[in-house]
Amino acid sequence: PVRTFETVSKYGEVIVQADQVANVMRRAFHNLRNGRPGPVIIEIPSDVGGHEVPEEALNYHPPKRSPQSPAPGDIKDAVKLLLNANKPVIWSGMGVLMSKASEELKELAELTEIPVYSTMPGKSSFDDRHPLALGAGSSATSLPARTWLQESDVLFAVGSSMTQTSYGQPIPSGKVIIHNTESIEDLNKDFSVDVGIPGDAKLTLQALIEEVKAQIGESGRKDQTKVAAEIARLKETWLADWSQILKSGETPINTYRVIGELERNLDKVNSIVTHDAGAPRDTIMPFYTATVPHSYIGWGKTTHLGYGIPLMIGAKLADPDKFCLNFMGDGAFGMSGLDIETSVREGAPITTIVLNNGGMATYPGGYPVANELFGTTRMTGDYAKLAEGMGAVGITVTQPGEIANALKQAQKLNAEGKTVLLDIHTNLEARRSNFA
C-alpha cells in the first residue's frame, strides 16, 4: 500500500517490527508537520499488528513543526520590486491558511495598498469583504481579479505552488514574479521567478511587513492610492451584469439564484461552505463571499466528483459549532450520495444542496456524442426521498421563492443534530464568469 500511494502522499513507511513504532511515528509526524502539506502513509502488516510493543520502544517525543524563515536579502529585493511596481498584485494560496497568516496578509496589503487575489485552495485566506480584495477564482473569477491579473506588472505569490492548471486563472507572460512557497521544488517550476522566497508564509509576510516599514515608514502607503476605489468600480460593473441572474425568478430555478440566496441567508462567519467539482465549482467560486479563514474550502484540480459530502463531514467533526454546507450537482451526488448515511450515523449533521437539473451542467452543447450515447443530460432522481431513506431530512425546492426558507430550515435542523439534503430543481446553466 505504501508504494501504491506514493504519487498522492508526501511520505510513506512500513512498520516491519513492533519495536520500530516510535522511530517510524517520529519520522511520520515530522514529515506531516513540516514542508509542503500532504498526507503521510504508515503501513502496518497484519502479522506485525498483533505483536506487543516493548515498553522501551514507547519512549516517544512528538516532533514539532520547524518553519523555515526567509533570507533577508530576498525580502529586501521583493519589497523593492513591490514598492516600485506600477500595478502590483498579491496571489494568495493555501499556504497562507495552513500557516495561519491571514492577519499578516491583511497587514501587508493595507500597508502597501496592494490588492489580493485568492486562489481556489486559498479562498478565505483574505476576507472577500475587504476593500483590497479582488475575490477568488477557479477558471471563473470576478472582473476585478481578472483585470488585475491581466494588467499587473509585478505578481507576489504567497503560500502557493503556482502550478499551471486549467482549473485556475492564467498568468500572462511578461510579469515580474516574486514567489513564496514552503516547497523549493515549486520555484521556477511552471513560471520563471525573479525573486524566490522558500519558507513559511507567516514568517515571510512578517519579514516583508518589517522591511516595508523600514523602507517607507510605519504607515506605509495607507490611504495614499486609488486602488480600493478602482476595485469597487470594477466590482460594481461586474455585479451589474450578473445581478438579474443572481435574483432570477425563472423555473427551473437558475443555479445563480441559489448562489444569490446563499449570499443573503447564511451567517458567513459561522459557516463552512464548499463546492463540488465541475459546474458547481465554477458557478459559486466568484460569487460566494468568504469571510474568516477556513469559512470556505476550495478544491478540485484533480479530486473526483462527490468529494464535497465527505469533506463537509470532516469539517463538521473538526468544528462542530459551524454550519457546514456543500454545493453539488446531481452527477456528483451519484458518486458519493450514500455518505449522507455516514453523516447521520456519526452525528455530524451537514447540509447538502443537490442541483437537480437532470444532467451534468458542464457538458451541454459541447459534448453532443457523450450526451447522445451516455445520457449526460438525462439523469433522474428524487434525492430528497433518498436522503430520508438514510435517516436525513429531505427538502424539495421547485420555486425560487422557496430557497430562503429552505436554507433557514436547514440551519435550524442542523443545529438540532439532523442532517439535511436540499433537492433544488435547477436549470442546466451554462454561463460562467470567465470572460471568454
Protein backbone atom coordinates (compact mmCIF):
# COMPACT_ATOMS: atom_id res chain seq x y z
CA PRO A 1 0.00 0.00 0.00
CA VAL A 2 2.81 2.48 0.70
CA ARG A 3 4.07 2.22 -2.88
CA THR A 4 0.52 2.36 -4.19
CA PHE A 5 0.04 5.78 -2.56
CA GLU A 6 3.45 7.22 -3.48
CA THR A 7 2.00 9.62 -6.04
CA VAL A 8 -0.59 11.09 -3.66
CA SER A 9 1.36 11.17 -0.38
CA LYS A 10 4.46 13.05 0.74
CA TYR A 11 6.00 10.26 2.83
CA GLY A 12 5.44 6.58 3.49
CA GLU A 13 6.99 3.84 5.60
CA VAL A 14 6.27 0.28 6.69
CA ILE A 15 6.48 -0.88 10.31
CA VAL A 16 8.10 -4.31 9.95
CA GLN A 17 8.89 -4.89 13.65
CA ALA A 18 6.97 -3.82 16.74
CA ASP A 19 9.99 -2.10 18.31
CA GLN A 20 10.14 0.32 15.34
CA VAL A 21 6.89 2.08 16.27
CA ALA A 22 8.41 5.12 17.99
CA ASN A 23 11.05 5.76 15.32
CA VAL A 24 8.62 5.34 12.44
CA MET A 25 5.97 7.56 14.01
CA ARG A 26 8.54 10.25 14.82
CA ARG A 27 9.56 10.39 11.17
CA ALA A 28 5.92 10.29 10.09
CA PHE A 29 4.85 13.25 12.23
CA HIS A 30 7.97 15.22 11.34
CA ASN A 31 7.09 14.91 7.67
CA LEU A 32 3.42 15.61 8.34
CA ARG A 33 4.15 18.86 10.20
CA ASN A 34 6.95 20.21 8.01
CA GLY A 35 7.33 21.22 4.39
CA ARG A 36 4.56 21.01 1.84
CA PRO A 37 1.23 19.97 3.39
CA GLY A 38 0.18 16.47 2.45
CA PRO A 39 -0.78 13.02 3.74
CA VAL A 40 1.65 10.55 5.26
CA ILE A 41 1.09 6.80 4.86
CA ILE A 42 2.17 4.28 7.51
CA GLU A 43 1.62 0.62 6.68
CA ILE A 44 1.26 -1.99 9.44
CA PRO A 45 1.33 -5.57 8.04
CA SER A 46 -1.34 -7.76 9.60
CA ASP A 47 1.16 -10.14 11.23
CA VAL A 48 3.08 -7.22 12.81
CA GLY A 49 -0.10 -5.53 14.00
CA GLY A 50 -0.76 -8.27 16.53
CA HIS A 51 2.64 -8.03 18.25
CA GLU A 52 3.19 -6.43 21.66
CA VAL A 53 5.25 -3.24 21.57
CA PRO A 54 8.22 -3.35 24.02
CA GLU A 55 7.91 -0.76 26.78
CA GLU A 56 11.28 0.79 25.95
CA ALA A 57 10.03 1.45 22.40
CA LEU A 58 7.34 3.76 23.75
CA ASN A 59 9.81 6.44 24.83
CA TYR A 60 8.38 8.79 22.22
CA HIS A 61 8.72 12.56 21.94
CA PRO A 62 6.49 14.06 19.23
CA PRO A 63 8.41 16.29 16.79
CA LYS A 64 7.43 19.93 16.46
CA ARG A 65 6.89 21.99 13.35
CA SER A 66 10.08 23.79 12.28
CA PRO A 67 9.04 26.60 9.92
CA GLN A 68 11.70 27.98 7.59
CA SER A 69 12.47 31.70 7.75
CA PRO A 70 13.12 33.63 4.52
CA ALA A 71 16.54 35.01 3.61
CA PRO A 72 16.84 38.75 4.45
CA GLY A 73 18.33 39.57 1.05
CA ASP A 74 15.35 38.03 -0.75
CA ILE A 75 12.98 40.06 1.43
CA LYS A 76 14.75 43.34 0.58
CA ASP A 77 14.67 42.54 -3.14
CA ALA A 78 10.99 41.59 -3.01
CA VAL A 79 9.93 44.76 -1.18
CA LYS A 80 11.89 46.96 -3.58
CA LEU A 81 10.12 45.37 -6.55
CA LEU A 82 6.68 45.65 -4.93
CA LEU A 83 7.10 49.29 -3.95
CA ASN A 84 8.44 50.30 -7.37
CA ALA A 85 5.72 48.46 -9.31
CA ASN A 86 3.08 50.33 -11.30
CA LYS A 87 0.30 47.82 -10.66
CA PRO A 88 1.32 45.02 -8.28
CA VAL A 89 -0.94 42.20 -7.13
CA ILE A 90 -0.76 39.61 -4.34
CA TRP A 91 -1.66 36.00 -5.24
CA SER A 92 -2.70 34.25 -2.01
CA GLY A 93 -2.58 30.46 -1.83
CA MET A 94 -3.49 27.71 0.61
CA GLY A 95 -0.17 28.10 2.42
CA VAL A 96 -1.50 31.32 3.96
CA LEU A 97 -4.30 29.31 5.56
CA MET A 98 -2.02 26.47 6.62
CA SER A 99 0.43 28.82 8.35
CA LYS A 100 -2.39 30.90 9.91
CA ALA A 101 -1.08 34.02 8.20
CA SER A 102 -4.29 35.83 7.21
CA GLU A 103 -3.70 38.71 9.64
CA GLU A 104 -0.19 39.24 8.30
CA LEU A 105 -1.50 39.15 4.74
CA LYS A 106 -4.08 41.79 5.60
CA GLU A 107 -1.46 43.99 7.26
CA LEU A 108 0.88 43.80 4.25
CA ALA A 109 -1.94 44.56 1.81
CA GLU A 110 -3.09 47.58 3.83
CA LEU A 111 0.45 48.83 4.38
CA THR A 112 1.26 48.75 0.66
CA GLU A 113 -2.24 49.23 -0.79
CA ILE A 114 -1.67 46.14 -2.95
CA PRO A 115 -4.85 44.18 -3.79
CA VAL A 116 -5.18 40.46 -3.05
CA TYR A 117 -6.40 37.68 -5.33
CA SER A 118 -7.14 34.32 -3.65
CA THR A 119 -6.54 31.07 -5.49
CA MET A 120 -9.18 28.34 -5.37
CA PRO A 121 -7.42 26.47 -2.50
CA GLY A 122 -6.60 29.85 -0.93
CA LYS A 123 -10.17 31.15 -0.86
CA SER A 124 -10.93 32.53 2.65
CA SER A 125 -7.25 33.38 3.28
CA PHE A 126 -8.23 37.03 2.68
CA ASP A 127 -11.63 38.43 3.63
CA ASP A 128 -13.64 38.99 0.42
CA ARG A 129 -15.36 41.95 2.13
CA HIS A 130 -12.09 43.87 2.40
CA PRO A 131 -11.76 46.89 0.05
CA LEU A 132 -8.49 45.45 -1.31
CA ALA A 133 -9.99 42.01 -2.03
CA LEU A 134 -10.15 41.11 -5.72
CA GLY A 135 -12.01 37.89 -4.99
CA ALA A 136 -11.11 34.29 -5.74
CA GLY A 137 -11.11 32.18 -8.85
CA SER A 138 -11.14 28.80 -10.47
CA SER A 139 -11.44 29.02 -14.25
CA ALA A 140 -14.12 31.59 -13.40
CA THR A 141 -13.48 34.71 -11.35
CA SER A 142 -14.52 38.32 -10.76
CA LEU A 143 -13.87 41.28 -13.04
CA PRO A 144 -11.54 42.98 -10.51
CA ALA A 145 -9.47 39.79 -10.23
CA ARG A 146 -9.31 39.24 -13.97
CA THR A 147 -8.34 42.86 -14.58
CA TRP A 148 -5.52 42.95 -12.03
CA LEU A 149 -4.12 39.57 -13.01
CA GLN A 150 -4.03 40.62 -16.66
CA GLU A 151 -2.70 44.15 -16.16
CA SER A 152 -0.32 43.80 -13.19
CA ASP A 153 3.39 44.22 -13.77
CA VAL A 154 4.57 42.56 -10.53
CA LEU A 155 2.90 39.49 -9.00
CA PHE A 156 3.73 38.30 -5.49
CA ALA A 157 2.56 34.73 -4.87
CA VAL A 158 2.50 33.76 -1.20
CA GLY A 159 1.84 30.26 0.12
CA SER A 160 1.19 28.92 -3.37
CA SER A 161 2.71 26.24 -5.60
CA MET A 162 1.87 28.36 -8.67
CA THR A 163 1.08 25.18 -10.57
CA GLN A 164 -0.33 25.92 -14.00
CA THR A 165 -3.82 24.44 -14.31
CA SER A 166 -6.92 24.83 -16.42
CA TYR A 167 -8.82 24.96 -13.10
CA GLY A 168 -7.24 28.28 -12.14
CA GLN A 169 -6.65 31.74 -13.54
CA PRO A 170 -3.94 32.18 -16.20
CA ILE A 171 -0.93 34.38 -15.53
CA PRO A 172 0.11 36.26 -18.68
CA SER A 173 3.78 36.27 -19.63
CA GLY A 174 5.98 39.29 -19.07
CA LYS A 175 5.33 39.79 -15.37
CA VAL A 176 7.93 40.14 -12.65
CA ILE A 177 7.21 37.26 -10.27
CA ILE A 178 8.04 37.03 -6.57
CA HIS A 179 7.26 33.54 -5.30
CA ASN A 180 6.98 32.31 -1.71
CA THR A 181 6.40 28.60 -1.11
CA GLU A 182 7.33 26.03 1.53
CA SER A 183 8.36 23.59 -1.19
CA ILE A 184 11.51 24.69 -3.00
CA GLU A 185 10.61 22.32 -5.85
CA ASP A 186 7.79 24.71 -6.77
CA LEU A 187 10.16 27.59 -7.52
CA ASN A 188 10.76 28.03 -11.28
CA LYS A 189 8.55 25.01 -11.93
CA ASP A 190 5.90 26.48 -14.24
CA PHE A 191 6.99 30.15 -14.21
CA SER A 192 10.33 31.92 -14.33
CA VAL A 193 10.74 33.52 -10.90
CA ASP A 194 12.57 36.81 -10.37
CA VAL A 195 12.74 36.51 -6.58
CA GLY A 196 12.22 33.11 -4.98
CA ILE A 197 11.44 33.06 -1.27
CA PRO A 198 11.34 29.50 0.07
CA GLY A 199 9.89 29.46 3.56
CA ASP A 200 6.86 29.64 5.80
CA ALA A 201 4.16 32.05 4.58
CA LYS A 202 3.61 33.63 8.00
CA LEU A 203 7.32 34.25 8.63
CA THR A 204 7.72 35.59 5.10
CA LEU A 205 4.84 38.03 5.45
CA GLN A 206 6.11 39.20 8.84
CA ALA A 207 9.54 39.87 7.34
CA LEU A 208 8.02 41.73 4.38
CA ILE A 209 5.96 43.92 6.72
CA GLU A 210 9.04 44.92 8.71
CA GLU A 211 11.02 45.64 5.55
CA VAL A 212 8.24 47.78 4.07
CA LYS A 213 8.17 49.84 7.26
CA ALA A 214 11.95 50.15 7.16
CA GLN A 215 11.87 51.40 3.56
CA ILE A 216 8.86 53.77 3.60
CA GLY A 217 7.86 54.25 7.23
CA GLU A 218 5.46 52.78 9.77
CA SER A 219 2.31 53.97 7.97
CA GLY A 220 3.36 52.69 4.57
CA ARG A 221 1.03 53.82 1.80
CA LYS A 222 -2.25 53.62 3.68
CA ASP A 223 -4.92 55.75 2.01
CA GLN A 224 -2.42 57.14 -0.49
CA THR A 225 -3.69 55.35 -3.61
CA LYS A 226 -6.94 54.92 -5.52
CA VAL A 227 -6.68 51.13 -5.65
CA ALA A 228 -9.69 50.41 -3.41
CA ALA A 229 -11.86 52.83 -5.38
CA GLU A 230 -10.90 51.18 -8.67
CA ILE A 231 -11.68 47.71 -7.26
CA ALA A 232 -15.08 48.95 -6.06
CA ARG A 233 -15.82 50.43 -9.51
CA LEU A 234 -14.93 47.21 -11.31
CA LYS A 235 -16.91 45.11 -8.83
CA GLU A 236 -19.97 47.31 -9.31
CA THR A 237 -19.71 47.00 -13.10
CA TRP A 238 -19.30 43.22 -12.88
CA LEU A 239 -22.18 42.64 -10.46
CA ALA A 240 -24.44 44.90 -12.53
CA ASP A 241 -24.06 42.39 -15.37
CA TRP A 242 -24.91 39.46 -13.08
CA SER A 243 -27.43 40.93 -10.63
CA GLN A 244 -30.52 39.89 -12.59
CA ILE A 245 -29.24 36.32 -12.93
CA LEU A 246 -28.43 36.13 -9.21
CA LYS A 247 -32.02 37.21 -8.49
CA SER A 248 -33.66 35.33 -11.37
CA GLY A 249 -37.25 34.21 -10.90
CA GLU A 250 -37.18 31.65 -13.72
CA THR A 251 -38.10 27.99 -13.36
CA PRO A 252 -36.45 25.56 -13.34
CA ILE A 253 -34.53 27.62 -10.80
CA ASN A 254 -31.40 29.31 -12.11
CA THR A 255 -28.26 27.97 -10.42
CA TYR A 256 -27.08 31.51 -9.77
CA ARG A 257 -30.31 32.30 -7.89
CA VAL A 258 -29.35 29.53 -5.45
CA ILE A 259 -25.93 31.15 -5.00
CA GLY A 260 -27.58 34.53 -4.50
CA GLU A 261 -29.77 33.08 -1.75
CA LEU A 262 -26.71 31.57 -0.06
CA GLU A 263 -25.19 35.05 -0.05
CA ARG A 264 -28.28 36.52 1.57
CA ASN A 265 -29.20 33.80 4.07
CA LEU A 266 -26.03 32.33 5.58
CA ASP A 267 -24.10 33.59 8.58
CA LYS A 268 -20.79 33.65 6.71
CA VAL A 269 -18.60 33.92 9.79
CA ASN A 270 -20.18 30.86 11.42
CA SER A 271 -20.48 28.70 8.30
CA ILE A 272 -18.14 26.48 6.31
CA VAL A 273 -19.05 26.11 2.65
CA THR A 274 -17.57 24.09 -0.18
CA HIS A 275 -18.38 23.43 -3.82
CA ASP A 276 -18.16 20.17 -5.68
CA ALA A 277 -16.15 19.50 -8.82
CA GLY A 278 -17.37 20.69 -12.20
CA ALA A 279 -20.13 23.24 -12.73
CA PRO A 280 -20.85 23.93 -9.02
CA ARG A 281 -17.22 24.97 -8.51
CA ASP A 282 -17.14 27.44 -11.38
CA THR A 283 -20.55 28.95 -10.67
CA ILE A 284 -20.12 29.59 -6.94
CA MET A 285 -16.41 30.43 -6.73
CA PRO A 286 -16.57 34.07 -7.93
CA PHE A 287 -19.82 35.00 -6.17
CA TYR A 288 -19.74 33.48 -2.68
CA THR A 289 -18.23 35.85 -0.11
CA ALA A 290 -15.67 34.09 2.09
CA THR A 291 -15.01 35.92 5.35
CA VAL A 292 -12.86 34.35 8.07
CA PRO A 293 -10.12 31.75 7.44
CA HIS A 294 -11.48 28.30 6.59
CA SER A 295 -15.04 29.60 6.14
CA TYR A 296 -14.74 28.28 2.58
CA ILE A 297 -12.85 25.20 1.41
CA GLY A 298 -11.71 25.39 -2.20
CA TRP A 299 -10.53 22.30 -4.08
CA GLY A 300 -10.94 20.48 -7.37
CA LYS A 301 -7.81 20.34 -9.54
CA THR A 302 -7.65 16.54 -9.54
CA THR A 303 -10.24 15.48 -6.97
CA HIS A 304 -13.21 13.35 -8.01
CA LEU A 305 -16.87 14.31 -8.25
CA GLY A 306 -18.67 13.90 -4.93
CA TYR A 307 -15.85 14.92 -2.59
CA GLY A 308 -17.98 17.70 -1.06
CA ILE A 309 -20.04 15.41 1.20
CA PRO A 310 -17.14 13.64 2.99
CA LEU A 311 -15.24 16.93 3.09
CA MET A 312 -18.08 18.63 4.96
CA ILE A 313 -18.47 15.67 7.32
CA GLY A 314 -14.80 16.16 8.21
CA ALA A 315 -15.30 19.91 8.60
CA LYS A 316 -18.25 19.34 10.94
CA LEU A 317 -16.27 16.92 13.08
CA ALA A 318 -13.39 19.41 13.24
CA ASP A 319 -15.62 22.42 14.05
CA PRO A 320 -18.98 21.16 15.39
CA ASP A 321 -20.38 24.63 16.08
CA LYS A 322 -20.21 25.70 12.42
CA PHE A 323 -22.99 25.27 9.85
CA CYS A 324 -21.39 23.08 7.17
CA LEU A 325 -22.81 23.09 3.63
CA ASN A 326 -21.71 21.56 0.36
CA PHE A 327 -22.98 22.71 -3.02
CA MET A 328 -23.06 19.87 -5.52
CA GLY A 329 -24.66 18.62 -8.72
CA ASP A 330 -26.76 15.51 -9.20
CA GLY A 331 -23.87 13.89 -11.08
CA ALA A 332 -21.60 14.39 -8.07
CA PHE A 333 -24.30 13.09 -5.73
CA GLY A 334 -24.30 9.88 -7.76
CA MET A 335 -20.66 9.35 -6.79
CA SER A 336 -20.89 9.75 -3.01
CA GLY A 337 -24.53 10.32 -2.06
CA LEU A 338 -24.65 7.32 0.26
CA ASP A 339 -22.29 9.16 2.59
CA ILE A 340 -25.36 11.08 3.77
CA GLU A 341 -25.92 7.96 5.90
CA THR A 342 -22.39 8.37 7.30
CA SER A 343 -23.23 11.92 8.34
CA VAL A 344 -26.38 10.68 10.10
CA ARG A 345 -24.70 7.70 11.76
CA GLU A 346 -21.70 9.67 13.01
CA GLY A 347 -23.76 12.54 14.40
CA ALA A 348 -22.08 15.04 12.08
CA PRO A 349 -25.09 16.98 10.74
CA ILE A 350 -24.35 18.76 7.47
CA THR A 351 -26.46 20.33 4.73
CA THR A 352 -26.11 19.18 1.14
CA ILE A 353 -27.53 21.17 -1.75
CA VAL A 354 -28.13 18.99 -4.80
CA LEU A 355 -28.62 20.95 -8.02
CA ASN A 356 -31.17 18.59 -9.53
CA ASN A 357 -31.03 19.59 -13.19
CA GLY A 358 -31.13 16.13 -14.75
CA GLY A 359 -27.67 16.32 -16.21
CA MET A 360 -24.03 17.23 -15.94
CA ALA A 361 -24.11 21.01 -16.37
CA THR A 362 -20.54 21.21 -17.63
CA TYR A 363 -21.37 19.28 -20.79
CA PRO A 364 -24.49 20.59 -22.61
CA GLY A 365 -23.64 21.89 -26.06
CA GLY A 366 -20.00 20.90 -26.00
CA TYR A 367 -20.22 17.10 -25.95
CA PRO A 368 -23.07 16.01 -28.27
CA VAL A 369 -21.77 12.45 -28.71
CA ALA A 370 -21.43 11.91 -24.94
CA ASN A 371 -24.92 13.32 -24.44
CA GLU A 372 -26.37 11.02 -27.07
CA LEU A 373 -24.53 7.82 -26.13
CA PHE A 374 -24.23 8.14 -22.35
CA GLY A 375 -27.13 10.34 -21.30
CA THR A 376 -25.13 13.03 -19.53
CA THR A 377 -28.21 15.28 -19.69
CA ARG A 378 -30.80 12.58 -18.94
CA MET A 379 -30.24 11.77 -15.27
CA THR A 380 -33.19 11.45 -12.89
CA GLY A 381 -33.72 11.05 -9.16
CA ASP A 382 -35.76 12.11 -6.14
CA TYR A 383 -32.80 12.96 -3.94
CA ALA A 384 -34.91 14.24 -1.03
CA LYS A 385 -36.51 10.79 -0.71
CA LEU A 386 -33.10 9.12 -0.95
CA ALA A 387 -31.90 11.29 1.94
CA GLU A 388 -34.95 10.40 4.02
CA GLY A 389 -34.26 6.73 3.40
CA MET A 390 -30.85 7.23 5.00
CA GLY A 391 -32.21 8.96 8.09
CA ALA A 392 -31.71 12.57 6.98
CA VAL A 393 -34.28 15.29 6.33
CA GLY A 394 -35.04 15.78 2.64
CA ILE A 395 -36.50 19.06 1.39
CA THR A 396 -37.56 19.54 -2.23
CA VAL A 397 -37.40 23.06 -3.67
CA THR A 398 -39.03 23.81 -7.03
CA GLN A 399 -39.67 27.56 -6.85
CA PRO A 400 -37.13 30.40 -6.38
CA GLY A 401 -39.14 31.88 -3.53
CA GLU A 402 -38.76 28.67 -1.52
CA ILE A 403 -34.96 28.70 -1.33
CA ALA A 404 -34.51 31.19 1.52
CA ASN A 405 -36.91 29.39 3.83
CA ALA A 406 -35.32 26.02 2.99
CA LEU A 407 -31.88 27.38 3.92
CA LYS A 408 -33.18 28.77 7.21
CA GLN A 409 -34.87 25.46 7.95
CA ALA A 410 -31.66 23.56 7.15
CA GLN A 411 -29.63 25.70 9.55
CA LYS A 412 -32.19 25.12 12.31
CA LEU A 413 -32.32 21.36 11.69
CA ASN A 414 -28.52 21.06 11.63
CA ALA A 415 -28.37 22.88 14.96
CA GLU A 416 -30.78 20.23 16.29
CA GLY A 417 -28.44 17.46 15.11
CA LYS A 418 -30.23 16.48 11.89
CA THR A 419 -28.55 16.07 8.51
CA VAL A 420 -30.36 17.86 5.68
CA LEU A 421 -30.46 17.49 1.90
CA LEU A 422 -31.98 20.27 -0.21
CA ASP A 423 -33.12 18.84 -3.55
CA ILE A 424 -33.30 22.04 -5.62
CA HIS A 425 -34.69 21.70 -9.14
CA THR A 426 -32.41 23.87 -11.26
CA ASN A 427 -31.60 24.60 -14.88
CA LEU A 428 -28.59 23.44 -16.87
CA GLU A 429 -26.92 26.84 -16.54
CA ALA A 430 -24.03 27.20 -19.00
CA ARG A 431 -22.94 30.79 -18.28
CA ARG A 432 -19.71 31.36 -16.36
CA SER A 433 -17.90 34.48 -15.18
CA ASN A 434 -14.85 33.59 -17.25
CA PHE A 435 -14.73 36.49 -19.73
CA ALA A 436 -14.43 34.05 -22.64
